[in-house]
Amino acid sequence: VEGIGDHGCEYMTGGRVAILGRTGRNFGAGMSGGIAYVLDRAGDFASRCNMETLELEPMVDPEDILELRALIQRHEKATGSTLAKSLLADWDNSLGLFKKVMPTDYKRVLMADKNSMALRVASA
């Protein structure tokens, strides 16, 4: 999406979303699952985000980077968005403007699953 109002991703429980424009206040209140990738051009997204249950992470994981790029490409193809096209054209600089929004409890569950899988593989 190219922008979102107040209470964006409120009570989100799964899936992925890329937000290419400004967000309103109280972003992510009650967000318990899923991941949001938010363009933060002004560097002030955290001030509009409900940080009680969320973490903001830089875009460094290669899987996240591929997923975000694919979401933006799909958006550009479906809508003809000039914003998406400009972000993709300057991808190296654009990527640094995004934040990964990760619900704290969801991250803990994913890490426990990953660790459990590693233990099963190691003992096999």
N, C-alpha and C. Protein backbone atom coordinates (compact mmCIF):
# COMPACT_ATOMS: atom_id res chain seq x y z
N VAL A 1 0.85 -1.18 0.00
CA VAL A 1 0.00 0.00 0.00
C VAL A 1 0.88 1.24 0.00
N GLU A 2 0.33 2.35 -0.41
CA GLU A 2 1.13 3.57 -0.51
C GLU A 2 0.89 4.56 0.62
N GLY A 3 0.17 4.15 1.61
CA GLY A 3 -0.05 4.97 2.79
C GLY A 3 -1.12 4.31 3.63
N ILE A 4 -1.15 4.65 4.90
CA ILE A 4 -2.11 4.03 5.80
C ILE A 4 -2.42 5.01 6.93
N GLY A 5 -3.65 4.99 7.39
CA GLY A 5 -4.07 5.93 8.44
C GLY A 5 -3.72 5.44 9.84
N ASP A 6 -4.41 6.00 10.81
CA ASP A 6 -4.20 5.63 12.21
C ASP A 6 -4.53 4.16 12.44
N HIS A 7 -3.85 3.55 13.38
CA HIS A 7 -4.09 2.17 13.83
C HIS A 7 -3.78 1.13 12.75
N GLY A 8 -2.86 1.43 11.86
CA GLY A 8 -2.49 0.49 10.81
C GLY A 8 -2.00 -0.83 11.38
N CYS A 9 -2.38 -1.90 10.74
CA CYS A 9 -2.00 -3.27 11.12
C CYS A 9 -2.46 -3.62 12.53
N GLU A 10 -3.48 -2.92 13.01
CA GLU A 10 -4.02 -3.20 14.33
C GLU A 10 -4.57 -4.62 14.35
N TYR A 11 -4.15 -5.38 15.31
CA TYR A 11 -4.57 -6.76 15.50
C TYR A 11 -4.21 -7.67 14.33
N MET A 12 -3.16 -7.33 13.60
CA MET A 12 -2.67 -8.19 12.53
C MET A 12 -2.17 -9.49 13.16
N THR A 13 -2.57 -10.63 12.60
CA THR A 13 -2.19 -11.92 13.17
C THR A 13 -1.33 -12.77 12.23
N GLY A 14 -1.16 -12.34 11.01
CA GLY A 14 -0.36 -13.10 10.07
C GLY A 14 -0.18 -12.36 8.77
N GLY A 15 0.58 -12.95 7.87
CA GLY A 15 0.78 -12.37 6.55
C GLY A 15 1.91 -11.36 6.52
N ARG A 16 2.01 -10.69 5.40
CA ARG A 16 3.05 -9.68 5.17
C ARG A 16 2.42 -8.47 4.51
N VAL A 17 2.97 -7.30 4.83
CA VAL A 17 2.51 -6.07 4.20
C VAL A 17 3.71 -5.15 4.00
N ALA A 18 3.72 -4.47 2.87
CA ALA A 18 4.72 -3.44 2.60
C ALA A 18 3.99 -2.13 2.51
N ILE A 19 4.43 -1.16 3.29
CA ILE A 19 3.80 0.16 3.31
C ILE A 19 4.81 1.15 2.76
N LEU A 20 4.48 1.74 1.61
CA LEU A 20 5.40 2.60 0.88
C LEU A 20 5.19 4.07 1.16
N GLY A 21 4.23 4.40 2.00
CA GLY A 21 3.95 5.80 2.31
C GLY A 21 3.85 6.01 3.80
N ARG A 22 3.38 7.17 4.16
CA ARG A 22 3.30 7.56 5.56
C ARG A 22 2.26 6.73 6.31
N THR A 23 2.52 6.51 7.59
CA THR A 23 1.56 5.83 8.46
C THR A 23 0.98 6.84 9.44
N GLY A 24 -0.20 6.52 9.94
CA GLY A 24 -0.79 7.32 11.00
C GLY A 24 -0.25 6.90 12.35
N ARG A 25 -0.90 7.36 13.39
CA ARG A 25 -0.45 7.07 14.76
C ARG A 25 -0.91 5.68 15.20
N ASN A 26 -0.29 5.18 16.25
CA ASN A 26 -0.66 3.94 16.91
C ASN A 26 -0.53 2.72 15.98
N PHE A 27 0.48 2.74 15.14
CA PHE A 27 0.70 1.62 14.22
C PHE A 27 1.01 0.35 14.99
N GLY A 28 0.37 -0.74 14.61
CA GLY A 28 0.69 -2.05 15.16
C GLY A 28 0.10 -2.37 16.52
N ALA A 29 -0.82 -1.56 17.02
CA ALA A 29 -1.42 -1.85 18.32
C ALA A 29 -2.11 -3.21 18.25
N GLY A 30 -1.73 -4.11 19.13
CA GLY A 30 -2.33 -5.43 19.16
C GLY A 30 -1.82 -6.38 18.08
N MET A 31 -0.82 -5.96 17.32
CA MET A 31 -0.26 -6.82 16.27
C MET A 31 0.43 -8.00 16.94
N SER A 32 -0.05 -9.22 16.66
CA SER A 32 0.51 -10.40 17.32
C SER A 32 1.21 -11.35 16.36
N GLY A 33 1.10 -11.11 15.09
CA GLY A 33 1.74 -11.97 14.10
C GLY A 33 1.92 -11.24 12.80
N GLY A 34 2.59 -11.90 11.88
CA GLY A 34 2.86 -11.28 10.60
C GLY A 34 4.03 -10.31 10.69
N ILE A 35 4.39 -9.78 9.53
CA ILE A 35 5.51 -8.84 9.45
C ILE A 35 5.09 -7.69 8.55
N ALA A 36 5.46 -6.48 8.96
CA ALA A 36 5.23 -5.29 8.14
C ALA A 36 6.59 -4.70 7.77
N TYR A 37 6.71 -4.30 6.53
CA TYR A 37 7.88 -3.57 6.06
C TYR A 37 7.40 -2.15 5.78
N VAL A 38 7.97 -1.17 6.48
CA VAL A 38 7.47 0.20 6.41
C VAL A 38 8.56 1.14 5.93
N LEU A 39 8.26 1.90 4.89
CA LEU A 39 9.17 2.92 4.39
C LEU A 39 9.17 4.08 5.38
N ASP A 40 10.34 4.44 5.87
CA ASP A 40 10.47 5.48 6.90
C ASP A 40 11.40 6.58 6.39
N ARG A 41 10.96 7.29 5.38
CA ARG A 41 11.81 8.33 4.76
C ARG A 41 12.27 9.39 5.75
N ALA A 42 11.37 9.83 6.63
CA ALA A 42 11.68 10.91 7.57
C ALA A 42 12.40 10.41 8.83
N GLY A 43 12.45 9.10 9.02
CA GLY A 43 13.11 8.56 10.20
C GLY A 43 12.32 8.73 11.49
N ASP A 44 11.01 8.95 11.36
CA ASP A 44 10.19 9.20 12.56
C ASP A 44 9.08 8.17 12.76
N PHE A 45 9.17 7.06 12.06
CA PHE A 45 8.12 6.05 12.16
C PHE A 45 7.93 5.56 13.60
N ALA A 46 9.01 5.36 14.33
CA ALA A 46 8.91 4.84 15.70
C ALA A 46 8.02 5.71 16.58
N SER A 47 7.96 7.00 16.31
CA SER A 47 7.13 7.90 17.13
C SER A 47 5.64 7.70 16.88
N ARG A 48 5.29 7.04 15.78
CA ARG A 48 3.89 6.77 15.48
C ARG A 48 3.53 5.29 15.67
N CYS A 49 4.49 4.54 16.20
CA CYS A 49 4.35 3.10 16.32
C CYS A 49 4.08 2.73 17.77
N ASN A 50 3.22 1.75 17.98
CA ASN A 50 2.94 1.25 19.32
C ASN A 50 4.05 0.27 19.68
N MET A 51 5.03 0.74 20.43
CA MET A 51 6.25 -0.03 20.70
C MET A 51 6.13 -0.99 21.89
N GLU A 52 4.95 -1.09 22.49
CA GLU A 52 4.79 -1.97 23.65
C GLU A 52 5.00 -3.44 23.30
N THR A 53 4.63 -3.82 22.09
CA THR A 53 4.69 -5.24 21.73
C THR A 53 5.43 -5.47 20.41
N LEU A 54 6.13 -4.46 19.94
CA LEU A 54 6.79 -4.55 18.63
C LEU A 54 8.27 -4.22 18.73
N GLU A 55 9.00 -4.72 17.75
CA GLU A 55 10.39 -4.33 17.57
C GLU A 55 10.55 -3.83 16.14
N LEU A 56 11.35 -2.80 15.98
CA LEU A 56 11.69 -2.31 14.65
C LEU A 56 13.10 -2.77 14.35
N GLU A 57 13.26 -3.40 13.20
CA GLU A 57 14.55 -3.95 12.83
C GLU A 57 14.99 -3.38 11.49
N PRO A 58 16.29 -3.28 11.29
CA PRO A 58 16.78 -2.86 9.97
C PRO A 58 16.60 -4.00 8.97
N MET A 59 16.60 -3.67 7.72
CA MET A 59 16.45 -4.67 6.66
C MET A 59 17.81 -5.26 6.33
N VAL A 60 18.16 -6.35 7.01
CA VAL A 60 19.45 -6.98 6.78
C VAL A 60 19.34 -8.46 6.40
N ASP A 61 18.26 -9.11 6.76
CA ASP A 61 18.08 -10.53 6.45
C ASP A 61 17.82 -10.69 4.95
N PRO A 62 18.62 -11.50 4.26
CA PRO A 62 18.44 -11.66 2.81
C PRO A 62 17.04 -12.13 2.41
N GLU A 63 16.42 -12.99 3.21
CA GLU A 63 15.05 -13.44 2.89
C GLU A 63 14.06 -12.30 2.98
N ASP A 64 14.20 -11.44 4.00
CA ASP A 64 13.32 -10.29 4.14
C ASP A 64 13.50 -9.34 2.95
N ILE A 65 14.74 -9.14 2.55
CA ILE A 65 15.03 -8.23 1.44
C ILE A 65 14.40 -8.74 0.16
N LEU A 66 14.53 -10.03 -0.11
CA LEU A 66 13.91 -10.61 -1.30
C LEU A 66 12.39 -10.51 -1.25
N GLU A 67 11.82 -10.77 -0.07
CA GLU A 67 10.38 -10.70 0.08
C GLU A 67 9.87 -9.27 -0.14
N LEU A 68 10.53 -8.29 0.45
CA LEU A 68 10.12 -6.90 0.29
C LEU A 68 10.20 -6.48 -1.17
N ARG A 69 11.29 -6.80 -1.82
CA ARG A 69 11.45 -6.44 -3.23
C ARG A 69 10.34 -7.07 -4.09
N ALA A 70 10.03 -8.33 -3.82
CA ALA A 70 8.97 -9.01 -4.56
C ALA A 70 7.61 -8.36 -4.32
N LEU A 71 7.34 -7.95 -3.09
CA LEU A 71 6.07 -7.27 -2.79
C LEU A 71 5.96 -5.95 -3.55
N ILE A 72 7.06 -5.21 -3.58
CA ILE A 72 7.05 -3.92 -4.29
C ILE A 72 6.92 -4.14 -5.79
N GLN A 73 7.61 -5.15 -6.32
CA GLN A 73 7.51 -5.45 -7.74
C GLN A 73 6.07 -5.84 -8.11
N ARG A 74 5.47 -6.66 -7.28
CA ARG A 74 4.08 -7.07 -7.53
C ARG A 74 3.13 -5.87 -7.50
N HIS A 75 3.36 -4.97 -6.55
CA HIS A 75 2.54 -3.76 -6.45
C HIS A 75 2.71 -2.89 -7.71
N GLU A 76 3.94 -2.73 -8.14
CA GLU A 76 4.20 -1.91 -9.33
C GLU A 76 3.55 -2.53 -10.57
N LYS A 77 3.64 -3.83 -10.70
CA LYS A 77 3.05 -4.51 -11.85
C LYS A 77 1.52 -4.41 -11.84
N ALA A 78 0.92 -4.57 -10.66
CA ALA A 78 -0.54 -4.56 -10.55
C ALA A 78 -1.15 -3.17 -10.69
N THR A 79 -0.39 -2.14 -10.27
CA THR A 79 -0.98 -0.79 -10.20
C THR A 79 -0.32 0.23 -11.11
N GLY A 80 0.88 -0.07 -11.60
CA GLY A 80 1.62 0.92 -12.37
C GLY A 80 2.18 2.03 -11.50
N SER A 81 2.31 1.78 -10.22
CA SER A 81 2.76 2.78 -9.25
C SER A 81 4.11 3.38 -9.62
N THR A 82 4.13 4.69 -9.75
CA THR A 82 5.40 5.38 -10.00
C THR A 82 6.27 5.39 -8.74
N LEU A 83 5.65 5.38 -7.57
CA LEU A 83 6.42 5.30 -6.32
C LEU A 83 7.17 3.97 -6.25
N ALA A 84 6.48 2.88 -6.50
CA ALA A 84 7.13 1.57 -6.48
C ALA A 84 8.24 1.52 -7.52
N LYS A 85 7.98 2.05 -8.69
CA LYS A 85 8.98 2.04 -9.76
C LYS A 85 10.22 2.83 -9.34
N SER A 86 10.04 3.98 -8.68
CA SER A 86 11.20 4.77 -8.26
C SER A 86 11.97 4.09 -7.13
N LEU A 87 11.28 3.41 -6.22
CA LEU A 87 11.97 2.68 -5.15
C LEU A 87 12.80 1.55 -5.73
N LEU A 88 12.26 0.85 -6.69
CA LEU A 88 12.99 -0.26 -7.32
C LEU A 88 14.17 0.24 -8.14
N ALA A 89 14.00 1.38 -8.80
CA ALA A 89 15.07 1.92 -9.64
C ALA A 89 16.28 2.35 -8.81
N ASP A 90 16.05 2.71 -7.55
CA ASP A 90 17.12 3.14 -6.65
C ASP A 90 17.17 2.19 -5.44
N TRP A 91 17.12 0.89 -5.71
CA TRP A 91 16.94 -0.12 -4.68
C TRP A 91 17.97 -0.05 -3.56
N ASP A 92 19.24 0.13 -3.89
CA ASP A 92 20.28 0.15 -2.85
C ASP A 92 20.03 1.25 -1.82
N ASN A 93 19.61 2.41 -2.26
CA ASN A 93 19.30 3.50 -1.33
C ASN A 93 17.93 3.32 -0.69
N SER A 94 16.96 2.85 -1.45
CA SER A 94 15.60 2.67 -0.93
C SER A 94 15.57 1.67 0.22
N LEU A 95 16.29 0.58 0.08
CA LEU A 95 16.25 -0.48 1.08
C LEU A 95 16.60 0.03 2.48
N GLY A 96 17.55 0.94 2.57
CA GLY A 96 17.95 1.48 3.87
C GLY A 96 16.90 2.34 4.54
N LEU A 97 15.85 2.70 3.82
CA LEU A 97 14.78 3.52 4.38
C LEU A 97 13.65 2.70 4.99
N PHE A 98 13.71 1.39 4.82
CA PHE A 98 12.65 0.52 5.32
C PHE A 98 12.98 -0.01 6.71
N LYS A 99 11.93 -0.20 7.50
CA LYS A 99 12.02 -0.84 8.81
C LYS A 99 11.18 -2.12 8.75
N LYS A 100 11.68 -3.14 9.38
CA LYS A 100 10.91 -4.37 9.54
C LYS A 100 10.21 -4.28 10.89
N VAL A 101 8.89 -4.42 10.88
CA VAL A 101 8.10 -4.39 12.11
C VAL A 101 7.79 -5.83 12.50
N MET A 102 8.30 -6.21 13.66
CA MET A 102 8.16 -7.59 14.12
C MET A 102 7.54 -7.62 15.51
N PRO A 103 6.36 -8.26 15.65
CA PRO A 103 5.78 -8.42 16.99
C PRO A 103 6.72 -9.25 17.87
N THR A 104 6.97 -8.80 19.07
CA THR A 104 7.93 -9.42 19.97
C THR A 104 7.58 -10.88 20.25
N ASP A 105 6.33 -11.18 20.58
CA ASP A 105 5.94 -12.55 20.89
C ASP A 105 6.05 -13.44 19.66
N TYR A 106 5.69 -12.94 18.51
CA TYR A 106 5.80 -13.70 17.26
C TYR A 106 7.25 -14.03 16.97
N LYS A 107 8.14 -13.09 17.19
CA LYS A 107 9.56 -13.32 16.99
C LYS A 107 10.06 -14.42 17.92
N ARG A 108 9.62 -14.40 19.16
CA ARG A 108 10.02 -15.41 20.14
C ARG A 108 9.55 -16.80 19.68
N VAL A 109 8.33 -16.91 19.18
CA VAL A 109 7.80 -18.19 18.70
C VAL A 109 8.60 -18.67 17.49
N LEU A 110 8.89 -17.78 16.55
CA LEU A 110 9.67 -18.16 15.37
C LEU A 110 11.06 -18.64 15.75
N MET A 111 11.69 -17.97 16.71
CA MET A 111 13.02 -18.37 17.16
C MET A 111 12.98 -19.74 17.86
N ALA A 112 11.95 -19.98 18.67
CA ALA A 112 11.81 -21.27 19.34
C ALA A 112 11.61 -22.38 18.32
N ASP A 113 10.80 -22.14 17.29
CA ASP A 113 10.60 -23.12 16.23
C ASP A 113 11.90 -23.40 15.49
N LYS A 114 12.65 -22.35 15.20
CA LYS A 114 13.91 -22.48 14.48
C LYS A 114 14.91 -23.29 15.32
N ASN A 115 14.99 -23.00 16.62
CA ASN A 115 15.89 -23.73 17.50
C ASN A 115 15.47 -25.19 17.65
N SER A 116 14.18 -25.44 17.73
CA SER A 116 13.67 -26.80 17.83
C SER A 116 14.00 -27.60 16.57
N MET A 117 13.85 -26.98 15.42
CA MET A 117 14.17 -27.62 14.16
C MET A 117 15.67 -27.95 14.09
N ALA A 118 16.50 -27.03 14.54
CA ALA A 118 17.95 -27.25 14.53
C ALA A 118 18.32 -28.42 15.42
N LEU A 119 17.66 -28.55 16.58
CA LEU A 119 17.93 -29.65 17.49
C LEU A 119 17.52 -30.99 16.86
N ARG A 120 16.38 -31.00 16.18
CA ARG A 120 15.91 -32.23 15.53
C ARG A 120 16.86 -32.67 14.43
N VAL A 121 17.34 -31.71 13.65
CA VAL A 121 18.27 -32.01 12.57
C VAL A 121 19.59 -32.53 13.14
N ALA A 122 20.07 -31.90 14.20
CA ALA A 122 21.34 -32.29 14.81
C ALA A 122 21.27 -33.69 15.42
N SER A 123 20.12 -34.07 15.95
CA SER A 123 20.00 -35.38 16.59
C SER A 123 19.62 -36.49 15.62
N ALA A 124 19.36 -36.15 14.37
CA ALA A 124 18.96 -37.17 13.38
C ALA A 124 20.13 -37.92 12.82
